[in-house]
């Protein structure tokens, strides 16, 4: 009986030890190691805006299409801009003809300077200079009209993927107002929001592993940058430019979360990154002794 009792006690102690080790390992992983489950796949969203106003006459893309920089996405009504270009070209041609005639007269007056009054020669020269400036202005107006006509072709400003397209032919677009949303492919990244207590273990250049929710494959990356600051919700400016500090203070304080940008180095084949996906981020710090001491609380 005593041996069985001792074996039972040892078994319980062993089980308790294993549980303690497991709990300690979990505590280190989730409270000490630079790991966060609060991560997101993010990308810059480029607003596609027309430079001129007009009716949409042609839509050359569809929802969720991958496009290249410079690719034509849609075409605006060109009739008004074509007429403006024709008028500008006619005005320029008229100014050029008038200038040519004035230059011939000015040259003739200079050749016959002994028969033509000096005042008339001077007025002719000034008239030529004025007409040259008028030709320059007409040329600029022609180029602007040509540019406006070219801008009726709305092109992709960057490589990316179009999203949430509800635009249809016949819709009137206003210059400078967003018409389409383009997910900038080259800006895909992961943002991990780490508790401030874990920041001493995170350094720029450290390798990182990213796991998306529901996907077993691991994305490899590295720490590209760390946010230099976050908003302090307890302290706001007042109308008198003095700090307005909340006088209350609760004893339970949650650690602030600091955004850490993870650059993506390798994505497993067949895995699609979608902006907004939830991610778990683990930074693989260098296992040197100094970092280990900074990570542990003792």
Protein backbone atom coordinates (compact mmCIF):
# COMPACT_ATOMS: atom_id res chain seq x y z
CA UNK A 1 0.00 0.00 0.00
CA UNK A 2 2.79 2.38 0.81
CA UNK A 3 4.48 1.81 -2.55
CA UNK A 4 1.23 2.36 -4.42
CA UNK A 5 0.62 5.49 -2.37
CA UNK A 6 4.09 6.78 -3.15
CA UNK A 7 3.65 6.00 -6.85
CA UNK A 8 0.33 7.84 -6.81
CA UNK A 9 1.92 10.85 -5.15
CA UNK A 10 4.82 10.86 -7.60
CA UNK A 11 2.41 10.57 -10.50
CA UNK A 12 0.41 13.51 -9.21
CA UNK A 13 3.57 15.53 -8.71
CA UNK A 14 4.74 14.66 -12.22
CA UNK A 15 1.37 15.63 -13.67
CA UNK A 16 1.42 18.87 -11.70
CA UNK A 17 4.92 19.56 -12.94
CA UNK A 18 3.92 18.96 -16.55
CA UNK A 19 0.92 21.23 -16.14
CA UNK A 20 3.14 23.91 -14.59
CA UNK A 21 5.64 23.64 -17.43
CA UNK A 22 2.84 23.85 -19.99
CA UNK A 23 1.32 26.87 -18.25
CA UNK A 24 4.72 28.54 -18.05
CA UNK A 25 5.33 27.85 -21.74
CA UNK A 26 1.95 29.34 -22.60
CA UNK A 27 2.62 32.35 -20.40
CA UNK A 28 5.99 32.95 -22.06
CA UNK A 29 4.49 32.54 -25.54
CA UNK A 30 1.55 34.87 -25.10
CA UNK A 31 2.85 37.29 -22.47
CA UNK A 32 6.61 37.50 -23.06
CA UNK A 33 7.41 36.43 -26.60
CA UNK A 34 6.89 39.09 -29.30
CA UNK A 35 3.69 37.53 -30.64
CA UNK A 36 0.31 39.08 -31.35
CA UNK A 37 -2.94 37.75 -32.73
CA UNK A 38 -4.01 41.30 -33.51
CA UNK A 39 -2.65 41.65 -37.03
CA UNK A 40 -4.07 42.70 -40.36
CA UNK A 41 -3.14 42.35 -44.01
CA UNK A 42 -3.13 45.89 -45.34
CA UNK A 43 -2.45 47.71 -48.60
CA UNK A 44 -2.65 51.28 -49.81
CA UNK A 45 -5.91 52.11 -51.56
CA UNK A 46 -5.51 54.43 -54.54
CA UNK A 47 -8.55 56.46 -55.50
CA UNK A 48 -8.94 56.63 -59.26
CA UNK A 49 -10.24 60.11 -60.04
CA UNK A 50 -10.92 61.64 -63.46
CA UNK A 51 -9.05 64.82 -64.33
CA UNK A 52 -11.97 66.11 -66.43
CA UNK A 53 -15.73 65.88 -66.04
CA UNK A 54 -18.09 64.04 -68.34
CA UNK A 55 -20.44 61.13 -68.95
CA UNK A 56 -19.02 57.61 -68.85
CA UNK A 57 -19.37 56.30 -72.38
CA UNK A 58 -17.28 53.13 -72.10
CA UNK A 59 -16.22 50.86 -69.22
CA UNK A 60 -13.27 48.65 -70.08
CA UNK A 61 -12.83 46.80 -66.78
CA UNK A 62 -14.80 44.57 -64.45
CA UNK A 63 -14.91 44.02 -60.71
CA UNK A 64 -11.81 42.51 -59.03
CA UNK A 65 -9.75 42.77 -62.22
CA UNK A 66 -5.97 43.02 -62.01
CA UNK A 67 -4.77 46.04 -64.01
CA UNK A 68 -1.43 47.51 -64.99
CA UNK A 69 -0.24 51.07 -64.63
CA UNK A 70 -1.40 53.15 -67.62
CA UNK A 71 -4.16 50.72 -68.63
CA UNK A 72 -7.37 52.43 -69.78
CA UNK A 73 -10.14 51.81 -67.25
CA UNK A 74 -12.96 53.89 -68.68
CA UNK A 75 -13.68 56.53 -71.30
CA UNK A 76 -15.57 59.79 -70.79
CA UNK A 77 -17.67 61.60 -73.40
CA UNK A 78 -15.19 63.20 -75.83
CA UNK A 79 -17.45 65.37 -78.02
CA UNK A 80 -17.10 68.57 -75.97
CA UNK A 81 -13.34 68.20 -75.63
CA UNK A 82 -12.90 67.41 -79.32
CA UNK A 83 -14.78 70.61 -80.22
CA UNK A 84 -12.65 72.59 -77.79
CA UNK A 85 -9.49 71.19 -79.41
CA UNK A 86 -10.74 72.05 -82.90
CA UNK A 87 -11.52 75.61 -81.81
CA UNK A 88 -8.14 75.99 -80.12
CA UNK A 89 -6.33 74.74 -83.24
CA UNK A 90 -8.27 77.20 -85.42
CA UNK A 91 -7.44 80.08 -83.08
CA UNK A 92 -3.78 79.13 -83.12
CA UNK A 93 -3.73 78.92 -86.89
CA UNK A 94 -5.34 82.36 -87.15
CA UNK A 95 -2.80 83.87 -84.78
CA UNK A 96 0.06 82.27 -86.72
CA UNK A 97 -1.20 83.72 -90.01
CA UNK A 98 -1.57 87.17 -88.47
CA UNK A 99 1.92 86.93 -87.00
CA UNK A 100 3.44 85.89 -90.34
CA UNK A 101 1.82 88.85 -92.03
CA UNK A 102 3.01 91.27 -89.33
CA UNK A 103 6.57 89.88 -89.53
CA UNK A 104 6.66 90.43 -93.31
CA UNK A 105 5.50 94.01 -92.87
CA UNK A 106 8.05 94.56 -90.10
CA UNK A 107 10.90 93.26 -92.27
CA UNK A 108 9.79 95.43 -95.19
CA UNK A 109 9.68 98.51 -92.94
CA UNK A 110 13.20 97.85 -91.68
CA UNK A 111 14.48 97.43 -95.27
CA UNK A 112 12.82 100.68 -96.31
CA UNK A 113 13.80 102.51 -93.13
CA UNK A 114 14.78 105.60 -95.16
CA UNK A 115 11.20 105.88 -96.48
CA UNK A 116 9.24 104.76 -93.40
CA UNK A 117 8.97 106.83 -90.26
CA UNK A 118 10.88 105.54 -87.20
CA UNK A 119 7.69 105.63 -85.15
CA UNK A 120 5.94 103.35 -87.64
CA UNK A 121 8.85 100.89 -87.55
CA UNK A 122 8.79 100.86 -83.75
CA UNK A 123 5.02 100.28 -83.67
CA UNK A 124 5.39 97.44 -86.16
CA UNK A 125 8.05 95.75 -84.03
CA UNK A 126 5.90 96.05 -80.91
CA UNK A 127 2.93 94.63 -82.81
CA UNK A 128 5.02 91.62 -83.84
CA UNK A 129 6.07 91.02 -80.21
CA UNK A 130 2.43 91.17 -79.09
CA UNK A 131 1.39 88.72 -81.78
CA UNK A 132 4.17 86.34 -80.77
CA UNK A 133 2.86 86.33 -77.21
CA UNK A 134 -0.64 85.74 -78.58
CA UNK A 135 0.65 82.74 -80.55
CA UNK A 136 2.30 81.39 -77.39
CA UNK A 137 -0.99 81.72 -75.50
CA UNK A 138 -2.91 80.09 -78.32
CA UNK A 139 -0.39 77.25 -78.41
CA UNK A 140 -0.85 76.70 -74.67
CA UNK A 141 -4.63 76.73 -75.10
CA UNK A 142 -4.31 74.18 -77.91
CA UNK A 143 -2.08 71.94 -75.78
CA UNK A 144 -4.50 72.22 -72.84
CA UNK A 145 -7.44 71.26 -75.04
CA UNK A 146 -5.45 68.31 -76.38
CA UNK A 147 -4.54 67.28 -72.82
CA UNK A 148 -8.18 67.48 -71.71
CA UNK A 149 -9.18 65.29 -74.64
CA UNK A 150 -6.49 62.76 -73.71
CA UNK A 151 -7.65 62.81 -70.08
CA UNK A 152 -11.07 61.53 -71.13
CA UNK A 153 -9.27 58.19 -71.09
CA UNK A 154 -9.08 57.41 -67.36
CA UNK A 155 -6.04 55.21 -66.77
CA UNK A 156 -4.78 53.15 -63.84
CA UNK A 157 -2.25 55.22 -61.86
CA UNK A 158 -0.49 52.13 -60.43
CA UNK A 159 -0.48 48.36 -60.72
CA UNK A 160 -3.24 46.88 -58.63
CA UNK A 161 -6.61 45.20 -58.33
CA UNK A 162 -9.92 46.98 -58.77
CA UNK A 163 -12.50 46.48 -56.07
CA UNK A 164 -16.21 47.10 -55.53
CA UNK A 165 -16.98 48.46 -58.99
CA UNK A 166 -20.53 49.78 -59.23
CA UNK A 167 -19.86 52.30 -62.00
CA UNK A 168 -21.84 51.93 -65.21
CA UNK A 169 -21.92 53.76 -68.57
CA UNK A 170 -24.08 56.86 -68.42
CA UNK A 171 -22.91 57.99 -64.99
CA UNK A 172 -21.63 61.58 -64.87
CA UNK A 173 -18.22 61.90 -63.22
CA UNK A 174 -16.89 65.13 -61.77
CA UNK A 175 -13.22 66.04 -62.05
CA UNK A 176 -11.31 65.33 -58.84
CA UNK A 177 -14.01 63.11 -57.35
CA UNK A 178 -13.16 59.45 -56.73
CA UNK A 179 -14.69 57.01 -59.18
CA UNK A 180 -12.91 53.70 -58.51
CA UNK A 181 -10.88 52.07 -55.73
CA UNK A 182 -7.61 50.41 -56.68
CA UNK A 183 -5.72 48.17 -54.24
CA UNK A 184 -2.04 48.96 -54.78
CA UNK A 185 -0.48 45.50 -55.11
CA UNK A 186 3.10 46.50 -54.31
CA UNK A 187 2.06 48.02 -50.98
CA UNK A 188 0.73 44.75 -49.53
CA UNK A 189 2.03 44.31 -45.99
CA UNK A 190 1.06 43.06 -42.56
CA UNK A 191 0.50 45.36 -39.60
CA UNK A 192 0.93 43.72 -36.20
CA UNK A 193 -0.28 45.54 -33.11
CA UNK A 194 2.02 44.48 -30.27
CA UNK A 195 1.61 45.22 -26.57
CA UNK A 196 4.08 47.82 -25.37
CA UNK A 197 5.54 45.31 -22.90
CA UNK A 198 6.79 43.24 -25.85
CA UNK A 199 8.40 46.09 -27.77
CA UNK A 200 11.92 45.70 -26.24
CA UNK A 201 12.14 42.33 -28.03
CA UNK A 202 11.27 43.76 -31.45
CA UNK A 203 13.87 45.37 -33.68
CA UNK A 204 13.88 46.58 -37.26
CA UNK A 205 15.16 43.79 -39.49
CA UNK A 206 14.04 40.93 -37.24
CA UNK A 207 12.51 38.01 -39.10
CA UNK A 208 8.80 37.43 -38.64
CA UNK A 209 6.27 34.69 -39.30
CA UNK A 210 2.68 35.50 -40.26
CA UNK A 211 -0.21 33.06 -40.06
CA UNK A 212 -3.56 34.01 -41.52
CA UNK A 213 -6.73 32.91 -39.80
CA UNK A 214 -7.82 29.49 -41.04
CA UNK A 215 -4.68 28.93 -43.15
CA UNK A 216 -1.87 26.65 -42.00
CA UNK A 217 0.86 27.92 -44.33
CA UNK A 218 3.31 30.46 -42.95
CA UNK A 219 4.19 33.76 -44.61
CA UNK A 220 7.79 34.84 -44.14
CA UNK A 221 8.64 38.49 -43.56
CA UNK A 222 10.71 40.92 -41.54
CA UNK A 223 10.13 43.96 -39.37
CA UNK A 224 10.27 46.96 -41.72
CA UNK A 225 9.37 49.76 -39.31
CA UNK A 226 7.86 50.56 -35.93
CA UNK A 227 5.32 53.32 -35.40
CA UNK A 228 6.95 56.33 -33.67
CA UNK A 229 3.81 57.19 -31.69
CA UNK A 230 0.15 56.51 -31.01
CA UNK A 231 -2.72 58.74 -29.95
CA UNK A 232 -3.08 59.49 -26.24
CA UNK A 233 -6.79 59.32 -25.53
CA UNK A 234 -6.35 60.52 -21.95
CA UNK A 235 -4.84 63.83 -22.97
CA UNK A 236 -6.38 66.33 -25.33
CA UNK A 237 -5.70 69.95 -26.08
CA UNK A 238 -8.02 72.64 -24.78
CA UNK A 239 -9.17 75.96 -26.16
CA UNK A 240 -6.54 77.70 -24.03
CA UNK A 241 -3.70 75.58 -25.47
CA UNK A 242 -3.11 73.91 -22.11
CA UNK A 243 -3.05 70.17 -21.60
CA UNK A 244 -6.41 68.72 -20.60
CA UNK A 245 -5.54 65.64 -18.55
CA UNK A 246 -8.21 63.27 -17.28
CA UNK A 247 -8.07 63.46 -13.44
CA UNK A 248 -9.35 59.91 -12.94
CA UNK A 249 -7.00 56.92 -12.96
CA UNK A 250 -8.09 53.31 -12.83
CA UNK A 251 -5.88 50.71 -11.18
CA UNK A 252 -6.44 48.25 -14.00
CA UNK A 253 -4.39 49.52 -16.93
CA UNK A 254 -4.18 47.69 -20.25
CA UNK A 255 -0.97 47.76 -22.21
CA UNK A 256 -1.01 50.02 -25.23
CA UNK A 257 -0.62 48.38 -28.62
CA UNK A 258 2.07 49.65 -30.96
CA UNK A 259 1.76 49.18 -34.75
CA UNK A 260 4.67 47.26 -36.26
CA UNK A 261 4.91 47.01 -40.04
CA UNK A 262 5.95 43.63 -41.42
CA UNK A 263 7.33 43.54 -44.96
CA UNK A 264 6.40 40.37 -46.82
CA UNK A 265 9.38 38.36 -48.10
CA UNK A 266 7.76 35.10 -49.21
CA UNK A 267 4.18 33.96 -49.72
CA UNK A 268 3.50 30.22 -50.13
CA UNK A 269 2.37 29.28 -53.64
CA UNK A 270 -1.37 29.44 -54.14
CA UNK A 271 -2.01 31.72 -51.17
CA UNK A 272 -3.92 34.91 -51.94
CA UNK A 273 -3.45 37.94 -49.71
CA UNK A 274 -6.63 39.95 -49.23
CA UNK A 275 -6.63 43.34 -47.58
CA UNK A 276 -8.30 43.15 -44.18
CA UNK A 277 -7.48 39.51 -43.41
CA UNK A 278 -6.77 38.70 -39.77
CA UNK A 279 -3.24 37.57 -39.01
CA UNK A 280 -1.13 36.27 -36.15
CA UNK A 281 2.37 37.75 -36.17
CA UNK A 282 5.39 36.35 -34.37
CA UNK A 283 8.71 38.18 -34.44
CA UNK A 284 11.71 35.86 -34.32
CA UNK A 285 14.15 37.89 -32.27
CA UNK A 286 17.82 37.04 -32.22
CA UNK A 287 18.33 34.62 -29.31
CA UNK A 288 21.17 36.54 -27.68
CA UNK A 289 21.39 36.76 -23.90
CA UNK A 290 20.80 40.50 -23.64
CA UNK A 291 17.49 40.29 -25.52
CA UNK A 292 16.43 37.33 -23.40
CA UNK A 293 16.97 39.33 -20.22
CA UNK A 294 14.99 42.24 -21.62
CA UNK A 295 12.10 39.97 -22.53
CA UNK A 296 11.79 38.19 -19.18
CA UNK A 297 10.43 40.09 -16.16
CA UNK A 298 13.22 39.02 -13.79
